[in-house]
Protein backbone atom coordinates (compact mmCIF):
# COMPACT_ATOMS: atom_id res chain seq x y z
CA UNK A 1 0.13 -0.07 -0.01
CA UNK A 2 1.35 3.61 -0.87
CA UNK A 3 2.51 6.02 1.70
CA UNK A 4 0.13 8.82 1.38
CA UNK A 5 0.64 12.38 2.79
CA UNK A 6 -2.88 13.81 3.33
CA UNK A 7 -1.50 17.44 2.61
CA UNK A 8 1.53 16.89 0.00
CA UNK A 9 -0.17 13.82 -1.77
CA UNK A 10 1.91 10.76 -2.87
CA UNK A 11 5.54 10.89 -2.34
CA UNK A 12 7.75 10.37 -5.61
CA UNK A 13 10.78 8.27 -4.82
CA UNK A 14 14.08 9.43 -7.13
CA UNK A 15 12.64 12.92 -7.76
CA UNK A 16 15.47 15.40 -8.97
CA UNK A 17 16.35 18.15 -6.89
CA UNK A 18 17.44 21.55 -8.33
CA UNK A 19 20.32 23.63 -7.63
CA UNK A 20 20.25 26.08 -4.62
CA UNK A 21 21.11 29.61 -4.97
CA UNK A 22 24.40 29.13 -3.24
CA UNK A 23 25.39 26.08 -5.45
CA UNK A 24 24.83 28.29 -8.76
CA UNK A 25 26.97 31.11 -6.97
CA UNK A 26 29.80 28.64 -6.54
CA UNK A 27 29.49 27.41 -10.05
CA UNK A 28 29.67 30.80 -11.67
CA UNK A 29 32.46 31.84 -9.27
CA UNK A 30 34.52 28.83 -10.47
CA UNK A 31 33.70 29.46 -14.21
CA UNK A 32 35.13 33.05 -13.62
CA UNK A 33 38.19 32.09 -12.09
CA UNK A 34 39.16 29.71 -14.75
CA UNK A 35 38.24 32.42 -17.42
CA UNK A 36 40.50 34.89 -15.75
CA UNK A 37 43.14 32.56 -15.64
CA UNK A 38 42.80 31.29 -19.32
CA UNK A 39 41.54 34.34 -21.17
CA UNK A 40 45.12 36.21 -20.73
CA UNK A 41 46.63 33.16 -21.80
CA UNK A 42 44.76 32.66 -24.77
CA UNK A 43 45.24 36.37 -25.68
CA UNK A 44 48.95 36.21 -25.32
CA UNK A 45 48.91 33.02 -27.41
CA UNK A 46 46.71 34.70 -30.30
CA UNK A 47 48.80 37.97 -30.16
CA UNK A 48 52.11 35.86 -30.42
CA UNK A 49 50.45 34.08 -33.48
CA UNK A 50 49.52 37.09 -35.17
CA UNK A 51 52.91 38.85 -34.53
CA UNK A 52 54.66 35.61 -36.19
CA UNK A 53 51.97 35.84 -39.17
CA UNK A 54 52.81 39.64 -39.67
CA UNK A 55 56.58 38.61 -39.66
CA UNK A 56 56.09 35.93 -41.98
CA UNK A 57 54.21 38.16 -44.33
CA UNK A 58 57.17 40.22 -44.77
CA UNK A 59 59.77 37.42 -45.04
CA UNK A 60 57.69 35.43 -47.79
CA UNK A 61 56.88 38.35 -49.76
CA UNK A 62 60.53 39.36 -49.89
CA UNK A 63 61.31 35.79 -50.65
CA UNK A 64 58.72 35.73 -53.54
CA UNK A 65 59.82 39.03 -55.08
CA UNK A 66 63.57 38.04 -54.83
CA UNK A 67 62.83 34.45 -56.79
CA UNK A 68 60.93 36.38 -59.64
CA UNK A 69 63.87 38.55 -60.00
CA UNK A 70 66.43 35.64 -60.04
CA UNK A 71 64.42 34.18 -62.70
CA UNK A 72 65.97 36.70 -65.38
CA UNK A 73 62.50 38.40 -66.37
CA UNK A 74 63.36 41.77 -64.95
CA UNK A 75 63.48 43.49 -61.54
CA UNK A 76 61.03 42.37 -59.12
CA UNK A 77 59.69 44.30 -55.69
CA UNK A 78 57.59 43.87 -52.67
CA UNK A 79 55.58 46.90 -52.75
CA UNK A 80 53.85 47.91 -49.17
CA UNK A 81 50.51 49.13 -49.19
CA UNK A 82 47.70 50.27 -46.91
CA UNK A 83 44.05 50.99 -47.14
CA UNK A 84 42.11 52.40 -44.40
CA UNK A 85 39.45 50.13 -45.32
CA UNK A 86 40.96 46.87 -46.40
CA UNK A 87 44.01 47.11 -43.95
CA UNK A 88 47.74 46.23 -44.68
CA UNK A 89 49.12 44.32 -47.73
CA UNK A 90 52.24 43.67 -49.41
CA UNK A 91 52.20 43.45 -53.48
CA UNK A 92 54.41 41.79 -55.60
CA UNK A 93 55.50 43.64 -58.69
CA UNK A 94 57.56 43.29 -62.05
CA UNK A 95 59.45 46.03 -63.88
CA UNK A 96 57.48 47.28 -66.91
CA UNK A 97 59.24 50.04 -68.61
CA UNK A 98 61.15 53.11 -67.91
CA UNK A 99 59.04 56.38 -68.26
CA UNK A 100 60.33 59.97 -68.30
CA UNK A 101 57.91 62.28 -66.70
CA UNK A 102 57.62 66.10 -65.95
CA UNK A 103 56.99 65.77 -62.43
CA UNK A 104 55.20 68.93 -61.86
CA UNK A 105 54.13 72.54 -63.64
CA UNK A 106 57.29 74.69 -64.46
CA UNK A 107 59.97 71.91 -64.30
CA UNK A 108 62.74 72.36 -66.97
CA UNK A 109 63.38 69.00 -67.45
CA UNK A 110 61.93 65.37 -67.22
CA UNK A 111 62.17 63.09 -64.15
CA UNK A 112 62.79 59.37 -64.82
CA UNK A 113 60.68 56.74 -63.11
CA UNK A 114 60.80 53.01 -63.38
CA UNK A 115 57.33 51.45 -64.01
CA UNK A 116 56.26 48.63 -62.05
CA UNK A 117 53.08 46.59 -62.36
CA UNK A 118 51.32 43.71 -60.10
CA UNK A 119 52.74 40.43 -60.85
CA UNK A 120 50.10 38.42 -62.17
CA UNK A 121 51.49 34.91 -60.69
CA UNK A 122 51.88 36.05 -57.12
CA UNK A 123 49.01 37.61 -55.18
CA UNK A 124 49.19 40.21 -52.42
CA UNK A 125 49.97 38.94 -49.01
CA UNK A 126 47.69 40.56 -46.01
CA UNK A 127 48.87 41.34 -42.66
CA UNK A 128 46.75 40.58 -39.44
CA UNK A 129 44.39 43.40 -38.81
CA UNK A 130 46.07 46.03 -36.57
CA UNK A 131 49.61 45.21 -37.82
CA UNK A 132 51.88 47.35 -39.85
CA UNK A 133 55.19 47.60 -41.32
CA UNK A 134 57.16 50.89 -41.58
CA UNK A 135 60.27 51.37 -43.77
CA UNK A 136 63.11 53.42 -42.78
CA UNK A 137 64.38 56.20 -44.84
CA UNK A 138 68.05 56.93 -44.08
CA UNK A 139 68.92 60.69 -43.79
CA UNK A 140 69.16 62.27 -47.26
CA UNK A 141 67.03 59.73 -48.87
CA UNK A 142 64.02 62.16 -49.06
CA UNK A 143 66.23 64.94 -50.40
CA UNK A 144 64.45 67.29 -52.71
CA UNK A 145 65.40 67.01 -56.47
CA UNK A 146 67.33 69.50 -58.55
CA UNK A 147 64.05 71.77 -58.76
CA UNK A 148 63.77 71.93 -55.18
CA UNK A 149 60.75 69.96 -55.01
CA UNK A 150 59.96 66.74 -52.95
CA UNK A 151 58.70 64.15 -55.16
CA UNK A 152 58.34 61.38 -52.66
CA UNK A 153 56.75 61.84 -49.29
CA UNK A 154 55.91 65.37 -50.07
CA UNK A 155 52.71 65.42 -47.61
CA UNK A 156 52.78 68.13 -45.22
CA UNK A 157 54.56 65.84 -42.46
CA UNK A 158 57.63 65.42 -44.33
CA UNK A 159 57.95 68.40 -47.03
CA UNK A 160 57.09 71.89 -45.95
CA UNK A 161 56.39 74.30 -48.83
CA UNK A 162 57.72 77.68 -49.14
CA UNK A 163 54.85 78.80 -51.02
CA UNK A 164 56.46 78.97 -54.26
CA UNK A 165 56.72 75.48 -55.14
CA UNK A 166 60.15 74.57 -53.52
CA UNK A 167 60.81 73.50 -49.84
CA UNK A 168 61.04 75.88 -46.98
CA UNK A 169 64.03 75.83 -44.87
CA UNK A 170 62.20 73.70 -42.21
CA UNK A 171 61.02 71.36 -44.80
CA UNK A 172 64.28 70.78 -46.34
CA UNK A 173 65.59 70.08 -42.68
CA UNK A 174 62.82 67.76 -42.24
CA UNK A 175 63.34 65.80 -45.53
CA UNK A 176 67.03 65.52 -44.90
CA UNK A 177 66.48 63.52 -41.47
CA UNK A 178 65.78 59.93 -41.42
CA UNK A 179 62.25 58.77 -40.89
CA UNK A 180 60.17 55.71 -40.44
CA UNK A 181 57.63 55.79 -43.07
CA UNK A 182 54.16 54.60 -43.20
CA UNK A 183 52.41 53.75 -46.79
CA UNK A 184 50.60 56.91 -47.92
CA UNK A 185 48.93 55.49 -50.89
CA UNK A 186 45.48 54.89 -49.49
CA UNK A 187 45.09 58.45 -48.47
CA UNK A 188 43.68 60.16 -51.58
CA UNK A 189 40.65 61.76 -53.33
CA UNK A 190 38.63 58.83 -54.48
CA UNK A 191 35.79 61.05 -55.88
CA UNK A 192 37.89 62.14 -59.02
CA UNK A 193 41.38 61.45 -60.72
CA UNK A 194 44.18 64.07 -60.56
CA UNK A 195 44.88 65.75 -63.58
CA UNK A 196 48.55 66.37 -65.27
CA UNK A 197 50.82 68.73 -63.39
CA UNK A 198 48.95 68.91 -60.20
CA UNK A 199 51.23 69.96 -57.73
CA UNK A 200 50.71 66.79 -55.30
CA UNK A 201 51.76 63.33 -55.07
CA UNK A 202 48.47 61.79 -54.44
CA UNK A 203 49.75 58.38 -53.29
CA UNK A 204 53.18 57.29 -52.07
CA UNK A 205 54.78 54.50 -50.31
CA UNK A 206 58.11 52.23 -50.47
CA UNK A 207 59.08 48.87 -51.60
CA UNK A 208 62.02 46.64 -51.41
CA UNK A 209 63.18 45.79 -55.14
CA UNK A 210 65.69 43.02 -56.41
CA UNK A 211 67.78 43.39 -59.25
CA UNK A 212 67.15 41.29 -62.52
CA UNK A 213 69.13 38.07 -62.80
CA UNK A 214 71.06 38.46 -59.57
CA UNK A 215 68.42 38.90 -57.01
CA UNK A 216 70.57 41.54 -55.18
CA UNK A 217 68.86 44.54 -53.39
CA UNK A 218 68.79 47.46 -55.73
CA UNK A 219 66.96 50.97 -55.72
CA UNK A 220 66.78 50.99 -59.62
CA UNK A 221 67.10 54.48 -60.89
CA UNK A 222 65.63 55.96 -57.49
CA UNK A 223 62.01 56.52 -57.93
CA UNK A 224 59.33 54.11 -59.24
CA UNK A 225 55.96 54.34 -60.34
CA UNK A 226 53.65 51.20 -59.12
CA UNK A 227 50.71 50.85 -61.21
CA UNK A 228 47.48 50.36 -58.78
CA UNK A 229 44.43 51.00 -60.60
CA UNK A 230 42.45 53.50 -58.02
CA UNK A 231 38.87 52.76 -56.85
CA UNK A 232 37.74 56.40 -57.80
CA UNK A 233 34.20 57.27 -58.53
CA UNK A 234 34.66 59.02 -61.78
CA UNK A 235 37.42 56.97 -63.59
CA UNK A 236 39.16 58.35 -66.50
CA UNK A 237 37.51 56.57 -69.12
CA UNK A 238 37.42 58.98 -72.07
CA UNK A 239 40.99 59.71 -72.30
CA UNK A 240 42.27 56.52 -73.64
CA UNK A 241 43.44 56.78 -77.16
CA UNK A 242 41.23 54.46 -79.61
CA UNK A 243 43.98 52.36 -80.69
CA UNK A 244 44.77 51.47 -77.24
CA UNK A 245 41.07 50.88 -76.29
CA UNK A 246 40.89 48.37 -79.13
CA UNK A 247 43.58 46.29 -77.56
CA UNK A 248 43.11 46.62 -74.01
CA UNK A 249 39.78 47.52 -72.18
CA UNK A 250 41.37 50.00 -69.52
CA UNK A 251 37.96 51.12 -68.22
CA UNK A 252 37.41 47.63 -67.16
CA UNK A 253 40.45 47.94 -64.93
CA UNK A 254 42.59 45.09 -66.52
CA UNK A 255 45.11 43.27 -64.31
CA UNK A 256 47.99 41.13 -64.71
CA UNK A 257 49.87 40.79 -67.90
CA UNK A 258 47.56 43.03 -69.71
CA UNK A 259 48.05 45.63 -67.00
CA UNK A 260 51.89 45.33 -67.68
CA UNK A 261 51.41 45.89 -71.33
CA UNK A 262 49.13 48.93 -70.90
CA UNK A 263 51.78 50.62 -68.77
CA UNK A 264 54.45 49.73 -71.01
CA UNK A 265 52.34 51.20 -73.92
CA UNK A 266 51.51 54.66 -71.87
CA UNK A 267 55.10 54.88 -70.82
CA UNK A 268 56.84 54.32 -74.24
CA UNK A 269 54.58 55.45 -77.03
CA UNK A 270 55.43 58.91 -78.30
CA UNK A 271 52.42 59.80 -80.11
CA UNK A 272 50.16 58.73 -77.37
CA UNK A 273 47.00 60.69 -78.48
CA UNK A 274 47.12 59.26 -81.60
CA UNK A 275 46.94 62.53 -83.68
CA UNK A 276 49.88 62.00 -85.65
CA UNK A 277 51.89 64.82 -83.70
CA UNK A 278 54.09 64.62 -80.85
CA UNK A 279 53.52 67.46 -78.76
CA UNK A 280 52.88 68.56 -74.98
CA UNK A 281 49.28 67.12 -75.24
CA UNK A 282 50.93 63.55 -75.37
CA UNK A 283 52.92 64.40 -72.56
CA UNK A 284 50.08 65.73 -70.47
CA UNK A 285 47.97 62.57 -71.32
CA UNK A 286 50.92 60.52 -70.29
CA UNK A 287 50.93 62.29 -66.96
CA UNK A 288 47.24 61.85 -66.33
CA UNK A 289 47.11 58.21 -67.16
CA UNK A 290 50.61 57.27 -65.54
CA UNK A 291 52.67 60.07 -63.97
CA UNK A 292 53.18 60.57 -60.26
CA UNK A 293 50.24 62.80 -59.93
CA UNK A 294 47.72 60.06 -61.47
CA UNK A 295 45.71 58.27 -58.66
CA UNK A 296 46.49 55.15 -60.66
CA UNK A 297 50.19 55.39 -59.64
CA UNK A 298 52.00 54.99 -56.42
CA UNK A 299 55.45 56.65 -56.13
CA UNK A 300 57.71 54.25 -54.43
CA UNK A 301 61.29 54.21 -53.52
CA UNK A 302 63.44 50.93 -52.54
CA UNK A 303 64.30 50.77 -48.90
CA UNK A 304 66.33 48.04 -46.97
CA UNK A 305 65.21 48.54 -43.28
CA UNK A 306 61.78 47.52 -42.02
CA UNK A 307 59.91 47.23 -38.75
CA UNK A 308 56.80 45.05 -37.90
CA UNK A 309 54.54 46.02 -35.35
CA UNK A 310 51.18 46.50 -33.94
CA UNK A 311 49.72 50.17 -34.76
CA UNK A 312 47.80 50.37 -31.51
CA UNK A 313 50.93 49.63 -29.65
CA UNK A 314 52.90 52.53 -31.15
CA UNK A 315 50.17 54.90 -30.77
CA UNK A 316 49.98 54.12 -26.91
CA UNK A 317 53.62 53.77 -26.78
CA UNK A 318 54.31 57.55 -27.89
CA UNK A 319 51.46 58.86 -25.76
CA UNK A 320 48.40 59.19 -28.27
CA UNK A 321 44.94 58.13 -27.48
CA UNK A 322 45.07 55.40 -29.74
CA UNK A 323 44.63 54.94 -33.31
CA UNK A 324 42.30 57.00 -35.52
CA UNK A 325 38.91 55.19 -35.80
CA UNK A 326 38.22 55.85 -39.41
CA UNK A 327 41.95 54.96 -40.64
CA UNK A 328 42.93 52.42 -38.01
CA UNK A 329 46.42 54.30 -38.18
CA UNK A 330 47.89 57.64 -36.78
CA UNK A 331 46.54 59.59 -40.10
CA UNK A 332 43.77 61.61 -40.23
CA UNK A 333 40.91 60.77 -42.89
CA UNK A 334 41.77 62.33 -46.32
CA UNK A 335 39.67 65.46 -47.06
CA UNK A 336 39.68 66.25 -50.56
CA UNK A 337 40.37 69.98 -49.47
CA UNK A 338 43.31 68.98 -47.30
CA UNK A 339 46.85 67.26 -47.77
CA UNK A 340 47.43 63.61 -46.38
CA UNK A 341 48.37 64.21 -42.84
CA UNK A 342 48.99 62.70 -39.51
CA UNK A 343 45.94 63.26 -37.02
CA UNK A 344 47.59 65.84 -34.80
CA UNK A 345 44.40 67.58 -33.83
CA UNK A 346 42.82 64.14 -33.02
CA UNK A 347 44.43 61.21 -31.37
CA UNK A 348 47.86 62.52 -31.50
CA UNK A 349 46.93 65.68 -29.61
CA UNK A 350 48.46 64.56 -26.24
CA UNK A 351 51.62 63.77 -27.64
CA UNK A 352 54.38 65.71 -26.19
CA UNK A 353 57.27 66.95 -28.82
CA UNK A 354 57.80 65.80 -32.56
CA UNK A 355 55.63 62.91 -33.38
CA UNK A 356 58.01 61.56 -36.08
CA UNK A 357 60.94 61.61 -33.61
CA UNK A 358 58.77 59.77 -31.22
CA UNK A 359 57.82 57.23 -33.92
CA UNK A 360 61.42 56.75 -34.54
CA UNK A 361 62.52 56.32 -30.71
CA UNK A 362 59.59 53.70 -30.11
CA UNK A 363 60.20 51.86 -33.14
CA UNK A 364 63.86 51.55 -32.32
CA UNK A 365 63.46 50.34 -28.97
CA UNK A 366 63.38 53.52 -26.95
CA UNK A 367 59.72 52.72 -25.87
CA UNK A 368 59.76 54.89 -22.49
CA UNK A 369 61.08 57.91 -24.69
CA UNK A 370 63.62 59.07 -22.46
CA UNK A 371 66.41 59.04 -24.89
CA UNK A 372 68.16 56.19 -23.41
CA UNK A 373 68.38 52.69 -25.07
CA UNK A 374 68.23 50.65 -22.18
CA UNK A 375 68.48 47.55 -24.16
CA UNK A 376 71.93 48.28 -25.35
CA UNK A 377 73.10 48.14 -21.63
CA UNK A 378 74.39 44.53 -21.07
CA UNK A 379 73.49 44.84 -17.27
CA UNK A 380 70.05 46.13 -17.95
CA UNK A 381 67.22 43.85 -16.25
CA UNK A 382 64.37 43.50 -18.49
CA UNK A 383 61.96 43.44 -15.07
CA UNK A 384 63.17 47.02 -14.20
CA UNK A 385 60.07 49.03 -13.63
CA UNK A 386 59.69 51.85 -16.37
CA UNK A 387 62.53 50.40 -18.67
CA UNK A 388 62.17 49.88 -22.43
CA UNK A 389 60.14 47.02 -23.47
CA UNK A 390 61.00 46.96 -27.33
CA UNK A 391 57.64 45.72 -29.16
CA UNK A 392 58.83 46.33 -33.11
CA UNK A 393 60.41 43.49 -34.88
CA UNK A 394 63.44 44.89 -36.96
CA UNK A 395 64.42 43.50 -40.41
CA UNK A 396 67.39 44.44 -42.62
CA UNK A 397 67.59 43.30 -46.42
CA UNK A 398 71.02 41.74 -47.16
CA UNK A 399 72.19 43.60 -50.29
CA UNK A 400 74.26 40.85 -51.88
CA UNK A 401 71.76 38.01 -51.00
CA UNK A 402 68.51 39.86 -50.64
CA UNK A 403 67.62 37.68 -47.48
CA UNK A 404 65.26 39.46 -44.79
CA UNK A 405 67.44 39.11 -41.53
CA UNK A 406 65.82 40.15 -38.09
CA UNK A 407 68.26 41.94 -36.13
CA UNK A 408 68.58 43.56 -32.60
CA UNK A 409 68.24 47.37 -32.04
């Protein structure tokens, strides 16, 4: 006979009892403790993995460019590029032609540029989000040309105009110094193309270039033009000669070998507008299509020293508020009415002193910005509070072998 409680009803044997509030609290506390221990370790592991990927991207790109050059089909290069939306990438390029260009209005003679185009058999290498590579322009590398004009990194932060087309005394001093440069090829007016002889270098960056056949590091003729068709709203569709349009549909932004043929045609054809007369109109068309002021070209120079780092680490390390939210870098968003510029009025406003100098100090290991490189002292204890904590990985390209070698400061 079943036991029956007059008030509670039948007693069910084996009934499952729920958790008490105290037991749930204990479980939650245990989970939080486990997370507190594991999350930092996982974050550190993830960061280490991303750092390794970023460094491998540099090494792999150098190897690919070097091997292409060694194959004997012309110089090859790894071109460093940054897009505020897409992030950092390294593009492999091949030499296409040599072009004489009138770099700006009023110049008394042409400049000479090596034209390079993307390699059709080597896709770009992308860095992990938030990681960057800077190239070191040694003192004298950024000096103005014989006309007193800066053709490479002529933005307001590196070249101060004297108001008459040349560099001011301050601008010449800055250009003569050494700088750790960031690619400025992603900061330009995307609403329209530049026109010939505009006094601005719309896009500029750096590369590591290797000599045809030997794979030795080289700087070629000095400056190069890397052809990188821009995603402009109003592409220059009506300015392509009919003879060229029938061969290559540039309006559809050809790539690979076709782009190389197109660049070679633009660089070397004398009667470019096909009017049976070689004159200034041909020169202006060449400048608009492929010159240093074209949005489809990036002015580049070969460097041999590079630093791989996390952009936010650099920003906080030099005293900035962080990176600009729109560009994910230290640069301000490009305004068609303004020049390419660091965000000195925004995230860099708290920085005390010359931003360019602070960047150089931090990258080369003086992370506490006191002017003393602690790690050079053999007796330095890494655990010393307030001491330097180098975060950037430094690489040097060996000139004879073309190897990318990691070095200490």
